[in-house]
Amino acid sequence: MELTKKQEAAQNIMTSVIAKCWEDAEFKKALIADPVATLEKFTGNEINLPEGKRIVVRDQSADSNVIYFNIPAEPNLDELELSDEQLELVAGGATPVATYFLVLAAGVAVGSTLF
C-alpha cells in the first residue's frame, strides 16, 4: 500500500520525535510529563484533543527487555467521518478500521483534530 503525503508526514514527525528523545533526555522528560505541549512546541502546530481524550507517552527505553503493545479503544465507526481521499482508500480495499488508524496517526503527528 502506498503512503499518502499526510501519512508520510506523520511517519516522519514520529521518527523525528523518537530520535529527539534518544538524543535529548530533557525533551524526553518533557514529552512524558506533558505530551501535548511538547508535541505542539516540537511541531509548531496546535493539537486539539476532544474533551476527555489525552495522550500518554510510555518510556520503553527504561527497560529494553519489555516490549509495549498498545491496544487502542475500539473506534465508533458510526461517528467517523471520512474525507473523499479516505473514502477512496476504503473503496480501494482498505478497511474502515485501518483507515481510522491512519487518520488517527496523521492527526496526532501533524496536530490536527483526532476525531
PDB file of N, CA and C in Angstrom:
ATOM      1  N   MET A   1       0.842  -1.173   0.000  1.00  0.00           N
ATOM      2  CA  MET A   1       0.000   0.000   0.000  1.00  0.00           C
ATOM      3  C   MET A   1       0.888   1.236   0.000  1.00  0.00           C
ATOM      4  N   GLU A   2       0.590   2.156  -0.849  1.00  0.00           N
ATOM      5  CA  GLU A   2       1.369   3.387  -0.967  1.00  0.00           C
ATOM      6  C   GLU A   2       0.897   4.401   0.073  1.00  0.00           C
ATOM      7  N   LEU A   3       1.851   5.050   0.739  1.00  0.00           N
ATOM      8  CA  LEU A   3       1.517   6.046   1.750  1.00  0.00           C
ATOM      9  C   LEU A   3       1.114   7.362   1.104  1.00  0.00           C
ATOM     10  N   THR A   4       0.127   8.028   1.704  1.00  0.00           N
ATOM     11  CA  THR A   4      -0.251   9.358   1.240  1.00  0.00           C
ATOM     12  C   THR A   4       0.748  10.364   1.796  1.00  0.00           C
ATOM     13  N   LYS A   5       0.691  11.588   1.307  1.00  0.00           N
ATOM     14  CA  LYS A   5       1.596  12.634   1.800  1.00  0.00           C
ATOM     15  C   LYS A   5       1.383  12.882   3.298  1.00  0.00           C
ATOM     16  N   LYS A   6       0.133  12.861   3.767  1.00  0.00           N
ATOM     17  CA  LYS A   6      -0.146  13.061   5.187  1.00  0.00           C
ATOM     18  C   LYS A   6       0.441  11.917   6.016  1.00  0.00           C
ATOM     19  N   GLN A   7       0.299  10.709   5.524  1.00  0.00           N
ATOM     20  CA  GLN A   7       0.834   9.554   6.242  1.00  0.00           C
ATOM     21  C   GLN A   7       2.352   9.626   6.309  1.00  0.00           C
ATOM     22  N   GLU A   8       2.978  10.007   5.197  1.00  0.00           N
ATOM     23  CA  GLU A   8       4.434  10.148   5.175  1.00  0.00           C
ATOM     24  C   GLU A   8       4.882  11.246   6.136  1.00  0.00           C
ATOM     25  N   ALA A   9       4.144  12.366   6.159  1.00  0.00           N
ATOM     26  CA  ALA A   9       4.480  13.455   7.068  1.00  0.00           C
ATOM     27  C   ALA A   9       4.344  12.993   8.519  1.00  0.00           C
ATOM     28  N   ALA A  10       3.277  12.266   8.821  1.00  0.00           N
ATOM     29  CA  ALA A  10       3.073  11.754  10.179  1.00  0.00           C
ATOM     30  C   ALA A  10       4.196  10.804  10.574  1.00  0.00           C
ATOM     31  N   GLN A  11       4.558   9.925   9.666  1.00  0.00           N
ATOM     32  CA  GLN A  11       5.639   8.976   9.934  1.00  0.00           C
ATOM     33  C   GLN A  11       6.964   9.715  10.155  1.00  0.00           C
ATOM     34  N   ASN A  12       7.237  10.721   9.362  1.00  0.00           N
ATOM     35  CA  ASN A  12       8.476  11.494   9.509  1.00  0.00           C
ATOM     36  C   ASN A  12       8.520  12.234  10.846  1.00  0.00           C
ATOM     37  N   ILE A  13       7.388  12.799  11.247  1.00  0.00           N
ATOM     38  CA  ILE A  13       7.349  13.508  12.518  1.00  0.00           C
ATOM     39  C   ILE A  13       7.551  12.532  13.675  1.00  0.00           C
ATOM     40  N   MET A  14       6.889  11.385  13.637  1.00  0.00           N
ATOM     41  CA  MET A  14       7.051  10.406  14.715  1.00  0.00           C
ATOM     42  C   MET A  14       8.495   9.919  14.790  1.00  0.00           C
ATOM     43  N   THR A  15       9.123   9.691  13.657  1.00  0.00           N
ATOM     44  CA  THR A  15      10.532   9.285  13.633  1.00  0.00           C
ATOM     45  C   THR A  15      11.411  10.376  14.237  1.00  0.00           C
ATOM     46  N   SER A  16      11.110  11.618  13.912  1.00  0.00           N
ATOM     47  CA  SER A  16      11.873  12.749  14.455  1.00  0.00           C
ATOM     48  C   SER A  16      11.698  12.876  15.959  1.00  0.00           C
ATOM     49  N   VAL A  17      10.471  12.659  16.449  1.00  0.00           N
ATOM     50  CA  VAL A  17      10.207  12.739  17.889  1.00  0.00           C
ATOM     51  C   VAL A  17      10.992  11.653  18.621  1.00  0.00           C
ATOM     52  N   ILE A  18      10.990  10.444  18.095  1.00  0.00           N
ATOM     53  CA  ILE A  18      11.727   9.339  18.724  1.00  0.00           C
ATOM     54  C   ILE A  18      13.223   9.638  18.730  1.00  0.00           C
ATOM     55  N   ALA A  19      13.758  10.104  17.608  1.00  0.00           N
ATOM     56  CA  ALA A  19      15.187  10.436  17.537  1.00  0.00           C
ATOM     57  C   ALA A  19      15.537  11.541  18.536  1.00  0.00           C
ATOM     58  N   LYS A  20      14.663  12.542  18.653  1.00  0.00           N
ATOM     59  CA  LYS A  20      14.901  13.637  19.600  1.00  0.00           C
ATOM     60  C   LYS A  20      14.917  13.106  21.034  1.00  0.00           C
ATOM     61  N   CYS A  21      14.038  12.167  21.348  1.00  0.00           N
ATOM     62  CA  CYS A  21      14.021  11.558  22.683  1.00  0.00           C
ATOM     63  C   CYS A  21      15.323  10.818  22.965  1.00  0.00           C
ATOM     64  N   TRP A  22      15.853  10.133  21.964  1.00  0.00           N
ATOM     65  CA  TRP A  22      17.089   9.371  22.138  1.00  0.00           C
ATOM     66  C   TRP A  22      18.285  10.291  22.382  1.00  0.00           C
ATOM     67  N   GLU A  23      18.282  11.468  21.779  1.00  0.00           N
ATOM     68  CA  GLU A  23      19.444  12.353  21.890  1.00  0.00           C
ATOM     69  C   GLU A  23      19.302  13.437  22.957  1.00  0.00           C
ATOM     70  N   ASP A  24      18.080  13.699  23.443  1.00  0.00           N
ATOM     71  CA  ASP A  24      17.845  14.800  24.364  1.00  0.00           C
ATOM     72  C   ASP A  24      16.981  14.327  25.541  1.00  0.00           C
ATOM     73  N   ALA A  25      17.635  14.019  26.663  1.00  0.00           N
ATOM     74  CA  ALA A  25      16.932  13.499  27.838  1.00  0.00           C
ATOM     75  C   ALA A  25      15.886  14.476  28.371  1.00  0.00           C
ATOM     76  N   GLU A  26      16.156  15.774  28.290  1.00  0.00           N
ATOM     77  CA  GLU A  26      15.199  16.781  28.769  1.00  0.00           C
ATOM     78  C   GLU A  26      13.942  16.798  27.903  1.00  0.00           C
ATOM     79  N   PHE A  27      14.126  16.668  26.585  1.00  0.00           N
ATOM     80  CA  PHE A  27      12.975  16.610  25.681  1.00  0.00           C
ATOM     81  C   PHE A  27      12.130  15.385  26.012  1.00  0.00           C
ATOM     82  N   LYS A  28      12.775  14.238  26.244  1.00  0.00           N
ATOM     83  CA  LYS A  28      12.047  13.009  26.564  1.00  0.00           C
ATOM     84  C   LYS A  28      11.265  13.174  27.866  1.00  0.00           C
ATOM     85  N   LYS A  29      11.882  13.791  28.884  1.00  0.00           N
ATOM     86  CA  LYS A  29      11.183  14.035  30.148  1.00  0.00           C
ATOM     87  C   LYS A  29       9.968  14.933  29.926  1.00  0.00           C
ATOM     88  N   ALA A  30      10.149  15.972  29.125  1.00  0.00           N
ATOM     89  CA  ALA A  30       9.043  16.896  28.837  1.00  0.00           C
ATOM     90  C   ALA A  30       7.924  16.185  28.087  1.00  0.00           C
ATOM     91  N   LEU A  31       8.277  15.325  27.132  1.00  0.00           N
ATOM     92  CA  LEU A  31       7.280  14.591  26.349  1.00  0.00           C
ATOM     93  C   LEU A  31       6.465  13.663  27.243  1.00  0.00           C
ATOM     94  N   ILE A  32       7.127  13.000  28.174  1.00  0.00           N
ATOM     95  CA  ILE A  32       6.433  12.093  29.089  1.00  0.00           C
ATOM     96  C   ILE A  32       5.537  12.896  30.044  1.00  0.00           C
ATOM     97  N   ALA A  33       6.046  14.021  30.545  1.00  0.00           N
ATOM     98  CA  ALA A  33       5.305  14.828  31.511  1.00  0.00           C
ATOM     99  C   ALA A  33       4.120  15.566  30.887  1.00  0.00           C
ATOM    100  N   ASP A  34       4.295  16.107  29.688  1.00  0.00           N
ATOM    101  CA  ASP A  34       3.245  16.898  29.039  1.00  0.00           C
ATOM    102  C   ASP A  34       3.325  16.700  27.524  1.00  0.00           C
ATOM    103  N   PRO A  35       2.790  15.558  27.042  1.00  0.00           N
ATOM    104  CA  PRO A  35       2.934  15.238  25.621  1.00  0.00           C
ATOM    105  C   PRO A  35       2.340  16.279  24.674  1.00  0.00           C
ATOM    106  N   VAL A  36       1.170  16.808  24.989  1.00  0.00           N
ATOM    107  CA  VAL A  36       0.515  17.750  24.074  1.00  0.00           C
ATOM    108  C   VAL A  36       1.352  19.010  23.908  1.00  0.00           C
ATOM    109  N   ALA A  37       1.737  19.628  25.019  1.00  0.00           N
ATOM    110  CA  ALA A  37       2.525  20.869  24.929  1.00  0.00           C
ATOM    111  C   ALA A  37       3.864  20.626  24.250  1.00  0.00           C
ATOM    112  N   THR A  38       4.490  19.506  24.566  1.00  0.00           N
ATOM    113  CA  THR A  38       5.800  19.208  23.972  1.00  0.00           C
ATOM    114  C   THR A  38       5.677  18.952  22.477  1.00  0.00           C
ATOM    115  N   LEU A  39       4.660  18.211  22.053  1.00  0.00           N
ATOM    116  CA  LEU A  39       4.456  17.954  20.617  1.00  0.00           C
ATOM    117  C   LEU A  39       4.059  19.231  19.882  1.00  0.00           C
ATOM    118  N   GLU A  40       3.260  20.082  20.518  1.00  0.00           N
ATOM    119  CA  GLU A  40       2.896  21.357  19.895  1.00  0.00           C
ATOM    120  C   GLU A  40       4.139  22.213  19.678  1.00  0.00           C
ATOM    121  N   LYS A  41       4.991  22.273  20.697  1.00  0.00           N
ATOM    122  CA  LYS A  41       6.216  23.062  20.575  1.00  0.00           C
ATOM    123  C   LYS A  41       7.130  22.469  19.509  1.00  0.00           C
ATOM    124  N   PHE A  42       7.248  21.148  19.491  1.00  0.00           N
ATOM    125  CA  PHE A  42       8.138  20.471  18.549  1.00  0.00           C
ATOM    126  C   PHE A  42       7.669  20.638  17.102  1.00  0.00           C
ATOM    127  N   THR A  43       6.354  20.502  16.871  1.00  0.00           N
ATOM    128  CA  THR A  43       5.832  20.566  15.504  1.00  0.00           C
ATOM    129  C   THR A  43       5.440  21.978  15.072  1.00  0.00           C
ATOM    130  N   GLY A  44       5.192  22.849  16.054  1.00  0.00           N
ATOM    131  CA  GLY A  44       4.717  24.187  15.722  1.00  0.00           C
ATOM    132  C   GLY A  44       3.248  24.209  15.362  1.00  0.00           C
ATOM    133  N   ASN A  45       2.535  23.124  15.654  1.00  0.00           N
ATOM    134  CA  ASN A  45       1.102  23.023  15.348  1.00  0.00           C
ATOM    135  C   ASN A  45       0.317  22.746  16.619  1.00  0.00           C
ATOM    136  N   GLU A  46      -0.865  23.343  16.705  1.00  0.00           N
ATOM    137  CA  GLU A  46      -1.745  23.100  17.837  1.00  0.00           C
ATOM    138  C   GLU A  46      -2.366  21.713  17.709  1.00  0.00           C
ATOM    139  N   ILE A  47      -2.485  21.016  18.838  1.00  0.00           N
ATOM    140  CA  ILE A  47      -3.144  19.713  18.867  1.00  0.00           C
ATOM    141  C   ILE A  47      -4.463  19.895  19.598  1.00  0.00           C
ATOM    142  N   ASN A  48      -5.553  19.621  18.934  1.00  0.00           N
ATOM    143  CA  ASN A  48      -6.889  19.774  19.508  1.00  0.00           C
ATOM    144  C   ASN A  48      -7.457  18.402  19.835  1.00  0.00           C
ATOM    145  N   LEU A  49      -7.323  18.006  21.095  1.00  0.00           N
ATOM    146  CA  LEU A  49      -7.880  16.723  21.523  1.00  0.00           C
ATOM    147  C   LEU A  49      -9.337  16.912  21.912  1.00  0.00           C
ATOM    148  N   PRO A  50     -10.186  15.942  21.570  1.00  0.00           N
ATOM    149  CA  PRO A  50     -11.576  16.016  22.022  1.00  0.00           C
ATOM    150  C   PRO A  50     -11.626  15.971  23.558  1.00  0.00           C
ATOM    151  N   GLU A  51     -12.669  16.568  24.125  1.00  0.00           N
ATOM    152  CA  GLU A  51     -12.809  16.603  25.575  1.00  0.00           C
ATOM    153  C   GLU A  51     -12.727  15.187  26.143  1.00  0.00           C
ATOM    154  N   GLY A  52     -11.946  15.046  27.176  1.00  0.00           N
ATOM    155  CA  GLY A  52     -11.799  13.747  27.835  1.00  0.00           C
ATOM    156  C   GLY A  52     -10.713  12.864  27.244  1.00  0.00           C
ATOM    157  N   LYS A  53     -10.135  13.249  26.114  1.00  0.00           N
ATOM    158  CA  LYS A  53      -9.075  12.460  25.484  1.00  0.00           C
ATOM    159  C   LYS A  53      -7.719  12.985  25.940  1.00  0.00           C
ATOM    160  N   ARG A  54      -6.728  12.112  25.986  1.00  0.00           N
ATOM    161  CA  ARG A  54      -5.383  12.509  26.366  1.00  0.00           C
ATOM    162  C   ARG A  54      -4.367  11.646  25.636  1.00  0.00           C
ATOM    163  N   ILE A  55      -3.139  12.112  25.607  1.00  0.00           N
ATOM    164  CA  ILE A  55      -2.030  11.363  25.029  1.00  0.00           C
ATOM    165  C   ILE A  55      -1.162  10.890  26.184  1.00  0.00           C
ATOM    166  N   VAL A  56      -0.814   9.612  26.178  1.00  0.00           N
ATOM    167  CA  VAL A  56       0.058   9.051  27.199  1.00  0.00           C
ATOM    168  C   VAL A  56       1.318   8.554  26.500  1.00  0.00           C
ATOM    169  N   VAL A  57       2.478   8.945  27.018  1.00  0.00           N
ATOM    170  CA  VAL A  57       3.755   8.511  26.459  1.00  0.00           C
ATOM    171  C   VAL A  57       4.389   7.545  27.453  1.00  0.00           C
ATOM    172  N   ARG A  58       4.734   6.360  26.988  1.00  0.00           N
ATOM    173  CA  ARG A  58       5.410   5.367  27.819  1.00  0.00           C
ATOM    174  C   ARG A  58       6.860   5.281  27.370  1.00  0.00           C
ATOM    175  N   ASP A  59       7.758   5.225  28.337  1.00  0.00           N
ATOM    176  CA  ASP A  59       9.184   5.176  28.054  1.00  0.00           C
ATOM    177  C   ASP A  59       9.658   3.723  28.015  1.00  0.00           C
ATOM    178  N   GLN A  60       9.643   3.145  26.830  1.00  0.00           N
ATOM    179  CA  GLN A  60      10.075   1.765  26.673  1.00  0.00           C
ATOM    180  C   GLN A  60      11.578   1.627  26.881  1.00  0.00           C
ATOM    181  N   SER A  61      12.324   2.723  26.736  1.00  0.00           N
ATOM    182  CA  SER A  61      13.773   2.646  26.874  1.00  0.00           C
ATOM    183  C   SER A  61      14.200   2.405  28.320  1.00  0.00           C
ATOM    184  N   ALA A  62      13.275   2.560  29.278  1.00  0.00           N
ATOM    185  CA  ALA A  62      13.608   2.332  30.682  1.00  0.00           C
ATOM    186  C   ALA A  62      13.968   0.869  30.937  1.00  0.00           C
ATOM    187  N   ASP A  63      13.388  -0.041  30.187  1.00  0.00           N
ATOM    188  CA  ASP A  63      13.687  -1.470  30.316  1.00  0.00           C
ATOM    189  C   ASP A  63      13.617  -2.082  28.924  1.00  0.00           C
ATOM    190  N   SER A  64      14.763  -2.301  28.325  1.00  0.00           N
ATOM    191  CA  SER A  64      14.797  -2.804  26.946  1.00  0.00           C
ATOM    192  C   SER A  64      14.304  -4.245  26.829  1.00  0.00           C
ATOM    193  N   ASN A  65      14.045  -4.909  27.950  1.00  0.00           N
ATOM    194  CA  ASN A  65      13.513  -6.269  27.920  1.00  0.00           C
ATOM    195  C   ASN A  65      11.994  -6.291  27.803  1.00  0.00           C
ATOM    196  N   VAL A  66      11.372  -5.120  27.906  1.00  0.00           N
ATOM    197  CA  VAL A  66       9.921  -5.026  27.828  1.00  0.00           C
ATOM    198  C   VAL A  66       9.542  -4.435  26.476  1.00  0.00           C
ATOM    199  N   ILE A  67       8.580  -5.052  25.826  1.00  0.00           N
ATOM    200  CA  ILE A  67       8.032  -4.529  24.578  1.00  0.00           C
ATOM    201  C   ILE A  67       6.572  -4.186  24.848  1.00  0.00           C
ATOM    202  N   TYR A  68       6.229  -2.932  24.649  1.00  0.00           N
ATOM    203  CA  TYR A  68       4.864  -2.490  24.874  1.00  0.00           C
ATOM    204  C   TYR A  68       4.049  -2.705  23.608  1.00  0.00           C
ATOM    205  N   PHE A  69       2.848  -3.209  23.795  1.00  0.00           N
ATOM    206  CA  PHE A  69       1.916  -3.411  22.689  1.00  0.00           C
ATOM    207  C   PHE A  69       0.649  -2.674  23.064  1.00  0.00           C
ATOM    208  N   ASN A  70       0.338  -1.610  22.345  1.00  0.00           N
ATOM    209  CA  ASN A  70      -0.816  -0.782  22.659  1.00  0.00           C
ATOM    210  C   ASN A  70      -2.050  -1.277  21.923  1.00  0.00           C
ATOM    211  N   ILE A  71      -3.111  -1.508  22.680  1.00  0.00           N
ATOM    212  CA  ILE A  71      -4.402  -1.856  22.090  1.00  0.00           C
ATOM    213  C   ILE A  71      -5.299  -0.642  22.279  1.00  0.00           C
ATOM    214  N   PRO A  72      -5.530   0.118  21.206  1.00  0.00           N
ATOM    215  CA  PRO A  72      -6.366   1.313  21.338  1.00  0.00           C
ATOM    216  C   PRO A  72      -7.828   0.938  21.551  1.00  0.00           C
ATOM    217  N   ALA A  73      -8.586   1.906  22.056  1.00  0.00           N
ATOM    218  CA  ALA A  73     -10.023   1.711  22.216  1.00  0.00           C
ATOM    219  C   ALA A  73     -10.639   1.437  20.854  1.00  0.00           C
ATOM    220  N   GLU A  74     -11.657   0.615  20.855  1.00  0.00           N
ATOM    221  CA  GLU A  74     -12.336   0.307  19.596  1.00  0.00           C
ATOM    222  C   GLU A  74     -13.026   1.568  19.086  1.00  0.00           C
ATOM    223  N   PRO A  75     -12.784   1.932  17.827  1.00  0.00           N
ATOM    224  CA  PRO A  75     -13.403   3.157  17.297  1.00  0.00           C
ATOM    225  C   PRO A  75     -14.896   2.969  17.061  1.00  0.00           C
ATOM    226  N   ASN A  76     -15.637   4.051  17.241  1.00  0.00           N
ATOM    227  CA  ASN A  76     -17.048   4.051  16.899  1.00  0.00           C
ATOM    228  C   ASN A  76     -17.145   4.458  15.436  1.00  0.00           C
ATOM    229  N   LEU A  77     -17.217   3.490  14.564  1.00  0.00           N
ATOM    230  CA  LEU A  77     -17.183   3.757  13.126  1.00  0.00           C
ATOM    231  C   LEU A  77     -18.443   4.459  12.624  1.00  0.00           C
ATOM    232  N   ASP A  78     -19.528   4.403  13.417  1.00  0.00           N
ATOM    233  CA  ASP A  78     -20.744   5.108  13.019  1.00  0.00           C
ATOM    234  C   ASP A  78     -20.563   6.621  13.087  1.00  0.00           C
ATOM    235  N   GLU A  79     -19.669   7.088  13.959  1.00  0.00           N
ATOM    236  CA  GLU A  79     -19.439   8.521  14.120  1.00  0.00           C
ATOM    237  C   GLU A  79     -18.224   9.017  13.358  1.00  0.00           C
ATOM    238  N   LEU A  80     -17.508   8.133  12.697  1.00  0.00           N
ATOM    239  CA  LEU A  80     -16.294   8.502  11.986  1.00  0.00           C
ATOM    240  C   LEU A  80     -16.639   9.084  10.619  1.00  0.00           C
ATOM    241  N   GLU A  81     -16.184  10.320  10.395  1.00  0.00           N
ATOM    242  CA  GLU A  81     -16.397  10.940   9.095  1.00  0.00           C
ATOM    243  C   GLU A  81     -15.107  10.844   8.298  1.00  0.00           C
ATOM    244  N   LEU A  82     -15.196  10.352   7.077  1.00  0.00           N
ATOM    245  CA  LEU A  82     -14.027  10.175   6.232  1.00  0.00           C
ATOM    246  C   LEU A  82     -13.989  11.244   5.144  1.00  0.00           C
ATOM    247  N   SER A  83     -12.773  11.661   4.808  1.00  0.00           N
ATOM    248  CA  SER A  83     -12.606  12.598   3.700  1.00  0.00           C
ATOM    249  C   SER A  83     -12.803  11.839   2.392  1.00  0.00           C
ATOM    250  N   ASP A  84     -12.868  12.571   1.286  1.00  0.00           N
ATOM    251  CA  ASP A  84     -13.000  11.922  -0.020  1.00  0.00           C
ATOM    252  C   ASP A  84     -11.823  10.986  -0.282  1.00  0.00           C
ATOM    253  N   GLU A  85     -10.617  11.421   0.108  1.00  0.00           N
ATOM    254  CA  GLU A  85      -9.416  10.588  -0.084  1.00  0.00           C
ATOM    255  C   GLU A  85      -9.512   9.297   0.727  1.00  0.00           C
ATOM    256  N   GLN A  86     -10.001   9.411   1.953  1.00  0.00           N
ATOM    257  CA  GLN A  86     -10.131   8.230   2.802  1.00  0.00           C
ATOM    258  C   GLN A  86     -11.224   7.302   2.279  1.00  0.00           C
ATOM    259  N   LEU A  87     -12.304   7.883   1.759  1.00  0.00           N
ATOM    260  CA  LEU A  87     -13.353   7.062   1.162  1.00  0.00           C
ATOM    261  C   LEU A  87     -12.827   6.285  -0.043  1.00  0.00           C
ATOM    262  N   GLU A  88     -11.939   6.915  -0.809  1.00  0.00           N
ATOM    263  CA  GLU A  88     -11.319   6.224  -1.941  1.00  0.00           C
ATOM    264  C   GLU A  88     -10.474   5.052  -1.463  1.00  0.00           C
ATOM    265  N   LEU A  89      -9.763   5.241  -0.337  1.00  0.00           N
ATOM    266  CA  LEU A  89      -8.972   4.139   0.226  1.00  0.00           C
ATOM    267  C   LEU A  89      -9.865   2.963   0.597  1.00  0.00           C
ATOM    268  N   VAL A  90     -10.996   3.268   1.241  1.00  0.00           N
ATOM    269  CA  VAL A  90     -11.920   2.215   1.644  1.00  0.00           C
ATOM    270  C   VAL A  90     -12.462   1.509   0.400  1.00  0.00           C
ATOM    271  N   ALA A  91     -12.847   2.290  -0.598  1.00  0.00           N
ATOM    272  CA  ALA A  91     -13.367   1.709  -1.834  1.00  0.00           C
ATOM    273  C   ALA A  91     -12.304   0.885  -2.549  1.00  0.00           C
ATOM    274  N   GLY A  92     -11.040   1.260  -2.339  1.00  0.00           N
ATOM    275  CA  GLY A  92      -9.943   0.545  -2.987  1.00  0.00           C
ATOM    276  C   GLY A  92      -9.468  -0.668  -2.220  1.00  0.00           C
ATOM    277  N   GLY A  93     -10.114  -0.990  -1.097  1.00  0.00           N
ATOM    278  CA  GLY A  93      -9.752  -2.208  -0.393  1.00  0.00           C
ATOM    279  C   GLY A  93      -9.270  -2.025   1.029  1.00  0.00           C
ATOM    280  N   ALA A  94      -8.947  -0.801   1.456  1.00  0.00           N
ATOM    281  CA  ALA A  94      -8.536  -0.605   2.845  1.00  0.00           C
ATOM    282  C   ALA A  94      -9.773  -0.728   3.724  1.00  0.00           C
ATOM    283  N   THR A  95      -9.636  -1.311   4.896  1.00  0.00           N
ATOM    284  CA  THR A  95     -10.771  -1.461   5.795  1.00  0.00           C
ATOM    285  C   THR A  95     -11.023  -0.162   6.538  1.00  0.00           C
ATOM    286  N   PRO A  96     -12.256   0.060   7.001  1.00  0.00           N
ATOM    287  CA  PRO A  96     -12.518   1.274   7.775  1.00  0.00           C
ATOM    288  C   PRO A  96     -11.647   1.372   9.023  1.00  0.00           C
ATOM    289  N   VAL A  97     -11.379   0.256   9.671  1.00  0.00           N
ATOM    290  CA  VAL A  97     -10.547   0.289  10.873  1.00  0.00           C
ATOM    291  C   VAL A  97      -9.131   0.711  10.518  1.00  0.00           C
ATOM    292  N   ALA A  98      -8.570   0.162   9.443  1.00  0.00           N
ATOM    293  CA  ALA A  98      -7.219   0.551   9.020  1.00  0.00           C
ATOM    294  C   ALA A  98      -7.187   2.032   8.660  1.00  0.00           C
ATOM    295  N   THR A  99      -8.204   2.500   7.971  1.00  0.00           N
ATOM    296  CA  THR A  99      -8.284   3.904   7.599  1.00  0.00           C
ATOM    297  C   THR A  99      -8.371   4.775   8.848  1.00  0.00           C
ATOM    298  N   TYR A 100      -9.150   4.339   9.839  1.00  0.00           N
ATOM    299  CA  TYR A 100      -9.271   5.078  11.097  1.00  0.00           C
ATOM    300  C   TYR A 100      -7.909   5.264  11.742  1.00  0.00           C
ATOM    301  N   PHE A 101      -7.114   4.208  11.820  1.00  0.00           N
ATOM    302  CA  PHE A 101      -5.817   4.308  12.473  1.00  0.00           C
ATOM    303  C   PHE A 101      -4.856   5.177  11.673  1.00  0.00           C
ATOM    304  N   LEU A 102      -4.953   5.174  10.354  1.00  0.00           N
ATOM    305  CA  LEU A 102      -4.122   6.061   9.549  1.00  0.00           C
ATOM    306  C   LEU A 102      -4.500   7.517   9.803  1.00  0.00           C
ATOM    307  N   VAL A 103      -5.788   7.788   9.904  1.00  0.00           N
ATOM    308  CA  VAL A 103      -6.268   9.139  10.188  1.00  0.00           C
ATOM    309  C   VAL A 103      -5.815   9.560  11.582  1.00  0.00           C
ATOM    310  N   LEU A 104      -5.935   8.663  12.556  1.00  0.00           N
ATOM    311  CA  LEU A 104      -5.524   8.962  13.922  1.00  0.00           C
ATOM    312  C   LEU A 104      -4.049   9.287  13.997  1.00  0.00           C
ATOM    313  N   ALA A 105      -3.203   8.480  13.371  1.00  0.00           N
ATOM    314  CA  ALA A 105      -1.758   8.706  13.393  1.00  0.00           C
ATOM    315  C   ALA A 105      -1.399  10.037  12.736  1.00  0.00           C
ATOM    316  N   ALA A 106      -2.006  10.331  11.613  1.00  0.00           N
ATOM    317  CA  ALA A 106      -1.729  11.578  10.916  1.00  0.00           C
ATOM    318  C   ALA A 106      -2.195  12.764  11.760  1.00  0.00           C
ATOM    319  N   GLY A 107      -3.326  12.641  12.423  1.00  0.00           N
ATOM    320  CA  GLY A 107      -3.833  13.727  13.245  1.00  0.00           C
ATOM    321  C   GLY A 107      -2.939  14.044  14.412  1.00  0.00           C
ATOM    322  N   VAL A 108      -2.437  13.030  15.075  1.00  0.00           N
ATOM    323  CA  VAL A 108      -1.528  13.255  16.199  1.00  0.00           C
ATOM    324  C   VAL A 108      -0.247  13.902  15.721  1.00  0.00           C
ATOM    325  N   ALA A 109       0.301  13.396  14.637  1.00  0.00           N
ATOM    326  CA  ALA A 109       1.605  13.860  14.187  1.00  0.00           C
ATOM    327  C   ALA A 109       1.576  15.278  13.624  1.00  0.00           C
ATOM    328  N   VAL A 110       0.523  15.658  12.948  1.00  0.00           N
ATOM    329  CA  VAL A 110       0.508  16.988  12.344  1.00  0.00           C
ATOM    330  C   VAL A 110      -0.324  17.985  13.123  1.00  0.00           C
ATOM    331  N   GLY A 111      -0.837  17.555  14.294  1.00  0.00           N
ATOM    332  CA  GLY A 111      -1.546  18.493  15.148  1.00  0.00           C
ATOM    333  C   GLY A 111      -2.974  18.773  14.737  1.00  0.00           C
ATOM    334  N   SER A 112      -3.563  17.880  13.965  1.00  0.00           N
ATOM    335  CA  SER A 112      -4.944  18.069  13.565  1.00  0.00           C
ATOM    336  C   SER A 112      -5.877  17.494  14.624  1.00  0.00           C
ATOM    337  N   THR A 113      -7.148  17.745  14.500  1.00  0.00           N
ATOM    338  CA  THR A 113      -8.135  17.161  15.386  1.00  0.00           C
ATOM    339  C   THR A 113      -8.128  15.655  15.163  1.00  0.00           C
ATOM    340  N   LEU A 114      -8.149  14.914  16.256  1.00  0.00           N
ATOM    341  CA  LEU A 114      -8.033  13.466  16.168  1.00  0.00           C
ATOM    342  C   LEU A 114      -9.281  12.788  15.652  1.00  0.00           C
ATOM    343  N   PHE A 115     -10.451  13.250  16.049  1.00  0.00           N
ATOM    344  CA  PHE A 115     -11.671  12.545  15.662  1.00  0.00           C
ATOM    345  C   PHE A 115     -12.615  13.490  14.973  1.00  0.00           C
TER     346      PHE A 115
END
